[in-house]
Amino acid sequence: MNWLYSILIGTIFFIVGQLFLRRTFESKNKIDYFTVSLLFSSAVGIFSLFLLLSQMYRKRITINENYWNPIFAGLMFFIGFFFWIYTISSKESLGLIRIAMAGFETIILFLLSYIFFNDIITVKHLIGSILVLLGIGISTL
C-alpha cells in the first residue's frame, strides 16, 4: 500500500477518535481529562495486547532487545496522550489544536530526523515548514 493511502486512512481514524474525545468533554456527564486519558490509553492497551498475543501465537515471535524501541515509543506517546487530551478538554477548536500540533511536530521531526537518521532536508521542505508555521500564526490570531 502506498504510504499516502495508509496515512489518509489512519488520519480518518484519528479524526473520528478526536470527535469522540471532544464529545466526552461536551457531555453533561463531566469526566476529567485524567480519567479520559486513562480510559483512552486502556482501550489502546487492551487491543494492542490482544493483537500482540495473537501475533506471538501465530508467528512464534520471540522478544529481543529491539523490542525496547517500540516500548519506549509507547511510553512517550502515553505521556503525550495526557497533554493532547488535556488540550482537547480546553474545548479549543479541534482544527486549531491539530494545526498547532502538526506544525510543531513537523519542524521538530525534520530537525531530529536530520540529527539521528541523516535524513536530507531540501529547500522545498524548509519552505513548506515555514509556510506551515506562518499558517499556524495566522490561524491563532
N, C-alpha and C. Protein backbone atom coordinates (compact mmCIF):
# COMPACT_ATOMS: atom_id res chain seq x y z
N MET A 1 0.85 -1.18 0.00
CA MET A 1 0.00 0.00 0.00
C MET A 1 0.90 1.24 0.00
N ASN A 2 0.54 2.19 -0.81
CA ASN A 2 1.25 3.47 -0.87
C ASN A 2 1.17 4.16 0.50
N TRP A 3 2.26 4.80 0.94
CA TRP A 3 2.28 5.44 2.25
C TRP A 3 1.23 6.54 2.36
N LEU A 4 0.90 7.19 1.25
CA LEU A 4 -0.08 8.26 1.30
C LEU A 4 -1.47 7.72 1.62
N TYR A 5 -1.81 6.57 1.04
CA TYR A 5 -3.11 5.95 1.35
C TYR A 5 -3.17 5.53 2.81
N SER A 6 -2.11 4.93 3.30
CA SER A 6 -2.14 4.46 4.69
C SER A 6 -2.23 5.62 5.67
N ILE A 7 -1.56 6.75 5.39
CA ILE A 7 -1.65 7.88 6.30
C ILE A 7 -3.03 8.53 6.23
N LEU A 8 -3.65 8.55 5.05
CA LEU A 8 -5.00 9.10 4.93
C LEU A 8 -6.00 8.24 5.70
N ILE A 9 -5.88 6.93 5.58
CA ILE A 9 -6.78 6.03 6.32
C ILE A 9 -6.57 6.21 7.83
N GLY A 10 -5.30 6.24 8.25
CA GLY A 10 -5.01 6.46 9.67
C GLY A 10 -5.54 7.79 10.16
N THR A 11 -5.42 8.82 9.34
CA THR A 11 -5.91 10.15 9.71
C THR A 11 -7.42 10.14 9.91
N ILE A 12 -8.13 9.43 9.07
CA ILE A 12 -9.59 9.34 9.22
C ILE A 12 -9.94 8.74 10.58
N PHE A 13 -9.23 7.68 10.96
CA PHE A 13 -9.49 7.07 12.27
C PHE A 13 -9.13 8.03 13.41
N PHE A 14 -8.02 8.77 13.27
CA PHE A 14 -7.66 9.76 14.28
C PHE A 14 -8.72 10.86 14.40
N ILE A 15 -9.25 11.30 13.27
CA ILE A 15 -10.28 12.34 13.28
C ILE A 15 -11.51 11.87 14.03
N VAL A 16 -11.97 10.67 13.71
CA VAL A 16 -13.15 10.12 14.39
C VAL A 16 -12.87 9.99 15.88
N GLY A 17 -11.68 9.52 16.24
CA GLY A 17 -11.32 9.40 17.65
C GLY A 17 -11.33 10.74 18.36
N GLN A 18 -10.82 11.78 17.70
CA GLN A 18 -10.82 13.11 18.31
C GLN A 18 -12.23 13.65 18.49
N LEU A 19 -13.11 13.34 17.55
CA LEU A 19 -14.50 13.77 17.69
C LEU A 19 -15.14 13.12 18.92
N PHE A 20 -14.86 11.83 19.13
CA PHE A 20 -15.39 11.16 20.31
C PHE A 20 -14.80 11.73 21.59
N LEU A 21 -13.51 12.06 21.58
CA LEU A 21 -12.91 12.67 22.77
C LEU A 21 -13.54 14.02 23.06
N ARG A 22 -13.68 14.86 22.06
CA ARG A 22 -14.29 16.18 22.26
C ARG A 22 -15.73 16.04 22.74
N ARG A 23 -16.44 15.06 22.18
CA ARG A 23 -17.83 14.81 22.59
C ARG A 23 -17.90 14.48 24.08
N THR A 24 -16.89 13.78 24.58
CA THR A 24 -16.82 13.46 26.01
C THR A 24 -16.82 14.72 26.85
N PHE A 25 -16.06 15.73 26.42
CA PHE A 25 -15.95 16.96 27.20
C PHE A 25 -17.13 17.90 26.99
N GLU A 26 -17.93 17.66 25.97
CA GLU A 26 -19.13 18.46 25.72
C GLU A 26 -20.34 17.90 26.46
N SER A 27 -20.21 16.68 26.96
CA SER A 27 -21.33 15.98 27.60
C SER A 27 -21.70 16.62 28.93
N LYS A 28 -22.95 16.43 29.33
CA LYS A 28 -23.41 16.92 30.63
C LYS A 28 -22.77 16.11 31.76
N ASN A 29 -22.48 14.85 31.51
CA ASN A 29 -21.84 13.99 32.50
C ASN A 29 -20.32 14.17 32.41
N LYS A 30 -19.82 15.12 33.15
CA LYS A 30 -18.41 15.51 33.05
C LYS A 30 -17.48 14.40 33.53
N ILE A 31 -16.41 14.21 32.77
CA ILE A 31 -15.32 13.31 33.15
C ILE A 31 -14.04 14.14 33.02
N ASP A 32 -13.19 14.08 34.04
CA ASP A 32 -11.96 14.87 33.98
C ASP A 32 -11.00 14.29 32.95
N TYR A 33 -10.11 15.14 32.46
CA TYR A 33 -9.21 14.73 31.38
C TYR A 33 -8.31 13.56 31.78
N PHE A 34 -7.96 13.47 33.07
CA PHE A 34 -7.08 12.39 33.52
C PHE A 34 -7.78 11.04 33.37
N THR A 35 -9.03 10.97 33.79
CA THR A 35 -9.80 9.73 33.65
C THR A 35 -10.01 9.39 32.19
N VAL A 36 -10.31 10.41 31.38
CA VAL A 36 -10.48 10.20 29.94
C VAL A 36 -9.18 9.65 29.34
N SER A 37 -8.05 10.21 29.75
CA SER A 37 -6.75 9.73 29.25
C SER A 37 -6.52 8.27 29.63
N LEU A 38 -6.88 7.91 30.85
CA LEU A 38 -6.70 6.52 31.28
C LEU A 38 -7.62 5.58 30.51
N LEU A 39 -8.87 5.99 30.30
CA LEU A 39 -9.79 5.15 29.52
C LEU A 39 -9.29 5.00 28.08
N PHE A 40 -8.86 6.10 27.50
CA PHE A 40 -8.33 6.10 26.13
C PHE A 40 -7.12 5.16 26.03
N SER A 41 -6.18 5.32 26.93
CA SER A 41 -4.97 4.50 26.90
C SER A 41 -5.26 3.04 27.19
N SER A 42 -6.23 2.78 28.06
CA SER A 42 -6.62 1.40 28.35
C SER A 42 -7.17 0.72 27.11
N ALA A 43 -7.98 1.44 26.35
CA ALA A 43 -8.53 0.86 25.11
C ALA A 43 -7.41 0.51 24.15
N VAL A 44 -6.46 1.42 23.99
CA VAL A 44 -5.31 1.15 23.12
C VAL A 44 -4.53 -0.06 23.64
N GLY A 45 -4.30 -0.10 24.94
CA GLY A 45 -3.53 -1.19 25.54
C GLY A 45 -4.20 -2.54 25.41
N ILE A 46 -5.50 -2.59 25.65
CA ILE A 46 -6.23 -3.86 25.57
C ILE A 46 -6.20 -4.41 24.16
N PHE A 47 -6.51 -3.56 23.18
CA PHE A 47 -6.50 -4.02 21.79
C PHE A 47 -5.08 -4.40 21.34
N SER A 48 -4.10 -3.63 21.77
CA SER A 48 -2.72 -3.92 21.40
C SER A 48 -2.24 -5.24 22.01
N LEU A 49 -2.58 -5.47 23.26
CA LEU A 49 -2.17 -6.72 23.91
C LEU A 49 -2.80 -7.92 23.22
N PHE A 50 -4.08 -7.81 22.89
CA PHE A 50 -4.76 -8.89 22.18
C PHE A 50 -4.06 -9.19 20.85
N LEU A 51 -3.75 -8.14 20.07
CA LEU A 51 -3.08 -8.34 18.78
C LEU A 51 -1.66 -8.88 18.95
N LEU A 52 -0.94 -8.40 19.96
CA LEU A 52 0.41 -8.89 20.20
C LEU A 52 0.40 -10.37 20.56
N LEU A 53 -0.50 -10.76 21.45
CA LEU A 53 -0.59 -12.17 21.83
C LEU A 53 -0.98 -13.03 20.64
N SER A 54 -1.87 -12.51 19.82
CA SER A 54 -2.28 -13.23 18.61
C SER A 54 -1.08 -13.42 17.67
N GLN A 55 -0.30 -12.36 17.47
CA GLN A 55 0.89 -12.44 16.61
C GLN A 55 1.92 -13.41 17.19
N MET A 56 2.11 -13.36 18.50
CA MET A 56 3.09 -14.24 19.13
C MET A 56 2.68 -15.70 18.98
N TYR A 57 1.40 -15.96 19.07
CA TYR A 57 0.91 -17.33 18.94
C TYR A 57 1.05 -17.83 17.50
N ARG A 58 0.67 -17.00 16.53
CA ARG A 58 0.68 -17.43 15.13
C ARG A 58 2.08 -17.49 14.54
N LYS A 59 2.92 -16.54 14.88
CA LYS A 59 4.23 -16.46 14.24
C LYS A 59 5.36 -16.91 15.16
N ARG A 60 5.03 -17.28 16.36
CA ARG A 60 6.05 -17.70 17.31
C ARG A 60 7.12 -16.62 17.49
N ILE A 61 6.66 -15.41 17.71
CA ILE A 61 7.56 -14.27 17.89
C ILE A 61 8.29 -14.42 19.23
N THR A 62 9.57 -14.18 19.21
CA THR A 62 10.33 -14.17 20.46
C THR A 62 10.79 -12.74 20.72
N ILE A 63 10.76 -12.36 21.96
CA ILE A 63 11.11 -11.00 22.34
C ILE A 63 12.63 -10.86 22.35
N ASN A 64 13.12 -9.75 21.76
CA ASN A 64 14.56 -9.47 21.75
C ASN A 64 14.80 -8.02 22.17
N GLU A 65 16.06 -7.62 22.19
CA GLU A 65 16.41 -6.28 22.69
C GLU A 65 15.84 -5.15 21.84
N ASN A 66 15.52 -5.40 20.58
CA ASN A 66 14.96 -4.35 19.72
C ASN A 66 13.52 -3.99 20.11
N TYR A 67 12.89 -4.81 20.93
CA TYR A 67 11.53 -4.53 21.37
C TYR A 67 11.47 -3.32 22.29
N TRP A 68 12.60 -2.91 22.86
CA TRP A 68 12.60 -1.76 23.75
C TRP A 68 12.29 -0.46 23.01
N ASN A 69 12.64 -0.36 21.72
CA ASN A 69 12.33 0.86 20.97
C ASN A 69 10.83 1.13 20.90
N PRO A 70 10.00 0.18 20.48
CA PRO A 70 8.56 0.47 20.46
C PRO A 70 7.97 0.61 21.86
N ILE A 71 8.55 -0.07 22.85
CA ILE A 71 8.04 0.07 24.21
C ILE A 71 8.31 1.49 24.71
N PHE A 72 9.52 2.00 24.49
CA PHE A 72 9.84 3.36 24.89
C PHE A 72 9.00 4.37 24.10
N ALA A 73 8.82 4.11 22.80
CA ALA A 73 7.97 4.99 21.98
C ALA A 73 6.55 5.02 22.53
N GLY A 74 6.04 3.85 22.92
CA GLY A 74 4.70 3.78 23.51
C GLY A 74 4.60 4.59 24.79
N LEU A 75 5.65 4.56 25.60
CA LEU A 75 5.67 5.35 26.82
C LEU A 75 5.61 6.84 26.50
N MET A 76 6.37 7.26 25.48
CA MET A 76 6.36 8.67 25.08
C MET A 76 4.98 9.08 24.56
N PHE A 77 4.36 8.21 23.76
CA PHE A 77 3.01 8.50 23.26
C PHE A 77 2.02 8.55 24.42
N PHE A 78 2.16 7.65 25.38
CA PHE A 78 1.27 7.62 26.54
C PHE A 78 1.32 8.95 27.29
N ILE A 79 2.51 9.46 27.53
CA ILE A 79 2.65 10.76 28.20
C ILE A 79 2.07 11.86 27.32
N GLY A 80 2.36 11.80 26.02
CA GLY A 80 1.81 12.79 25.09
C GLY A 80 0.30 12.77 25.04
N PHE A 81 -0.31 11.58 25.18
CA PHE A 81 -1.78 11.47 25.18
C PHE A 81 -2.39 12.34 26.27
N PHE A 82 -1.77 12.36 27.46
CA PHE A 82 -2.33 13.13 28.56
C PHE A 82 -2.38 14.62 28.21
N PHE A 83 -1.30 15.13 27.64
CA PHE A 83 -1.28 16.54 27.26
C PHE A 83 -2.23 16.83 26.10
N TRP A 84 -2.29 15.92 25.15
CA TRP A 84 -3.18 16.07 24.00
C TRP A 84 -4.64 16.07 24.46
N ILE A 85 -5.01 15.12 25.31
CA ILE A 85 -6.40 15.05 25.79
C ILE A 85 -6.70 16.23 26.70
N TYR A 86 -5.74 16.67 27.50
CA TYR A 86 -5.94 17.86 28.31
C TYR A 86 -6.25 19.06 27.41
N THR A 87 -5.52 19.19 26.31
CA THR A 87 -5.75 20.29 25.38
C THR A 87 -7.14 20.19 24.76
N ILE A 88 -7.57 18.99 24.40
CA ILE A 88 -8.93 18.81 23.86
C ILE A 88 -9.96 19.19 24.91
N SER A 89 -9.67 18.91 26.20
CA SER A 89 -10.63 19.25 27.26
C SER A 89 -10.81 20.75 27.42
N SER A 90 -9.87 21.55 26.87
CA SER A 90 -10.00 23.00 26.94
C SER A 90 -11.11 23.51 26.02
N LYS A 91 -11.61 22.62 25.17
CA LYS A 91 -12.68 22.91 24.21
C LYS A 91 -12.25 23.92 23.14
N GLU A 92 -10.95 24.07 22.97
CA GLU A 92 -10.43 24.88 21.86
C GLU A 92 -10.78 24.15 20.58
N SER A 93 -10.81 24.85 19.48
CA SER A 93 -11.13 24.25 18.19
C SER A 93 -10.22 23.06 17.91
N LEU A 94 -10.83 21.92 17.57
CA LEU A 94 -10.05 20.73 17.24
C LEU A 94 -9.12 21.00 16.06
N GLY A 95 -9.59 21.80 15.12
CA GLY A 95 -8.76 22.14 13.97
C GLY A 95 -7.51 22.91 14.37
N LEU A 96 -7.67 23.90 15.26
CA LEU A 96 -6.52 24.67 15.72
C LEU A 96 -5.54 23.81 16.52
N ILE A 97 -6.10 22.92 17.33
CA ILE A 97 -5.23 22.02 18.10
C ILE A 97 -4.37 21.19 17.16
N ARG A 98 -4.99 20.62 16.13
CA ARG A 98 -4.25 19.79 15.18
C ARG A 98 -3.26 20.61 14.36
N ILE A 99 -3.64 21.83 13.99
CA ILE A 99 -2.72 22.69 13.23
C ILE A 99 -1.47 22.95 14.05
N ALA A 100 -1.66 23.35 15.30
CA ALA A 100 -0.51 23.64 16.16
C ALA A 100 0.33 22.39 16.37
N MET A 101 -0.33 21.29 16.64
CA MET A 101 0.38 20.04 16.89
C MET A 101 1.16 19.59 15.66
N ALA A 102 0.51 19.60 14.51
CA ALA A 102 1.15 19.14 13.27
C ALA A 102 2.30 20.05 12.86
N GLY A 103 2.13 21.35 13.00
CA GLY A 103 3.20 22.27 12.62
C GLY A 103 4.42 22.13 13.51
N PHE A 104 4.18 22.10 14.80
CA PHE A 104 5.26 21.95 15.76
C PHE A 104 5.97 20.61 15.55
N GLU A 105 5.17 19.58 15.38
CA GLU A 105 5.70 18.23 15.18
C GLU A 105 6.54 18.15 13.90
N THR A 106 6.07 18.79 12.83
CA THR A 106 6.79 18.77 11.56
C THR A 106 8.18 19.36 11.69
N ILE A 107 8.27 20.52 12.29
CA ILE A 107 9.56 21.19 12.43
C ILE A 107 10.52 20.36 13.28
N ILE A 108 10.03 19.88 14.42
CA ILE A 108 10.89 19.12 15.32
C ILE A 108 11.32 17.80 14.68
N LEU A 109 10.39 17.13 13.98
CA LEU A 109 10.74 15.86 13.34
C LEU A 109 11.75 16.05 12.22
N PHE A 110 11.63 17.12 11.45
CA PHE A 110 12.65 17.41 10.42
C PHE A 110 14.02 17.52 11.07
N LEU A 111 14.09 18.31 12.13
CA LEU A 111 15.36 18.54 12.81
C LEU A 111 15.92 17.24 13.41
N LEU A 112 15.10 16.52 14.15
CA LEU A 112 15.58 15.30 14.81
C LEU A 112 15.89 14.19 13.82
N SER A 113 15.12 14.08 12.74
CA SER A 113 15.43 13.04 11.76
C SER A 113 16.72 13.36 11.01
N TYR A 114 17.03 14.63 10.88
CA TYR A 114 18.31 15.03 10.29
C TYR A 114 19.46 14.65 11.24
N ILE A 115 19.27 14.93 12.52
CA ILE A 115 20.32 14.65 13.51
C ILE A 115 20.52 13.15 13.71
N PHE A 116 19.44 12.40 13.91
CA PHE A 116 19.56 10.98 14.27
C PHE A 116 19.65 10.02 13.09
N PHE A 117 19.02 10.37 11.96
CA PHE A 117 18.95 9.43 10.85
C PHE A 117 19.59 9.96 9.57
N ASN A 118 20.20 11.13 9.65
CA ASN A 118 20.84 11.75 8.47
C ASN A 118 19.88 11.95 7.31
N ASP A 119 18.60 12.19 7.62
CA ASP A 119 17.63 12.48 6.57
C ASP A 119 18.02 13.77 5.86
N ILE A 120 17.72 13.83 4.59
CA ILE A 120 18.03 15.01 3.79
C ILE A 120 16.85 15.98 3.87
N ILE A 121 17.15 17.22 4.19
CA ILE A 121 16.13 18.27 4.23
C ILE A 121 16.41 19.21 3.07
N THR A 122 15.46 19.30 2.16
CA THR A 122 15.64 20.15 0.98
C THR A 122 15.11 21.55 1.24
N VAL A 123 15.42 22.45 0.32
CA VAL A 123 14.90 23.81 0.40
C VAL A 123 13.37 23.77 0.35
N LYS A 124 12.83 22.88 -0.46
CA LYS A 124 11.37 22.74 -0.56
C LYS A 124 10.78 22.35 0.80
N HIS A 125 11.45 21.45 1.53
CA HIS A 125 10.99 21.07 2.87
C HIS A 125 11.00 22.27 3.81
N LEU A 126 12.09 23.02 3.77
CA LEU A 126 12.20 24.19 4.64
C LEU A 126 11.13 25.23 4.34
N ILE A 127 10.92 25.51 3.06
CA ILE A 127 9.88 26.48 2.67
C ILE A 127 8.51 25.99 3.11
N GLY A 128 8.23 24.72 2.89
CA GLY A 128 6.95 24.15 3.32
C GLY A 128 6.76 24.26 4.82
N SER A 129 7.80 24.00 5.58
CA SER A 129 7.72 24.10 7.04
C SER A 129 7.48 25.53 7.48
N ILE A 130 8.15 26.46 6.84
CA ILE A 130 7.95 27.88 7.17
C ILE A 130 6.51 28.29 6.87
N LEU A 131 5.98 27.83 5.74
CA LEU A 131 4.58 28.13 5.40
C LEU A 131 3.62 27.54 6.42
N VAL A 132 3.92 26.33 6.91
CA VAL A 132 3.09 25.71 7.95
C VAL A 132 3.10 26.58 9.20
N LEU A 133 4.28 27.01 9.62
CA LEU A 133 4.37 27.86 10.81
C LEU A 133 3.67 29.19 10.61
N LEU A 134 3.79 29.77 9.43
CA LEU A 134 3.06 31.01 9.15
C LEU A 134 1.55 30.77 9.21
N GLY A 135 1.11 29.64 8.68
CA GLY A 135 -0.31 29.29 8.75
C GLY A 135 -0.79 29.14 10.18
N ILE A 136 0.03 28.55 11.02
CA ILE A 136 -0.32 28.41 12.43
C ILE A 136 -0.44 29.79 13.06
N GLY A 137 0.52 30.65 12.78
CA GLY A 137 0.48 32.00 13.33
C GLY A 137 -0.76 32.75 12.90
N ILE A 138 -1.11 32.66 11.62
CA ILE A 138 -2.30 33.34 11.11
C ILE A 138 -3.57 32.75 11.72
N SER A 139 -3.62 31.42 11.86
CA SER A 139 -4.81 30.75 12.39
C SER A 139 -5.08 31.10 13.85
N THR A 140 -4.03 31.38 14.60
CA THR A 140 -4.21 31.63 16.03
C THR A 140 -4.42 33.10 16.35
N LEU A 141 -4.38 33.97 15.35
CA LEU A 141 -4.59 35.40 15.60
C LEU A 141 -6.03 35.70 15.94
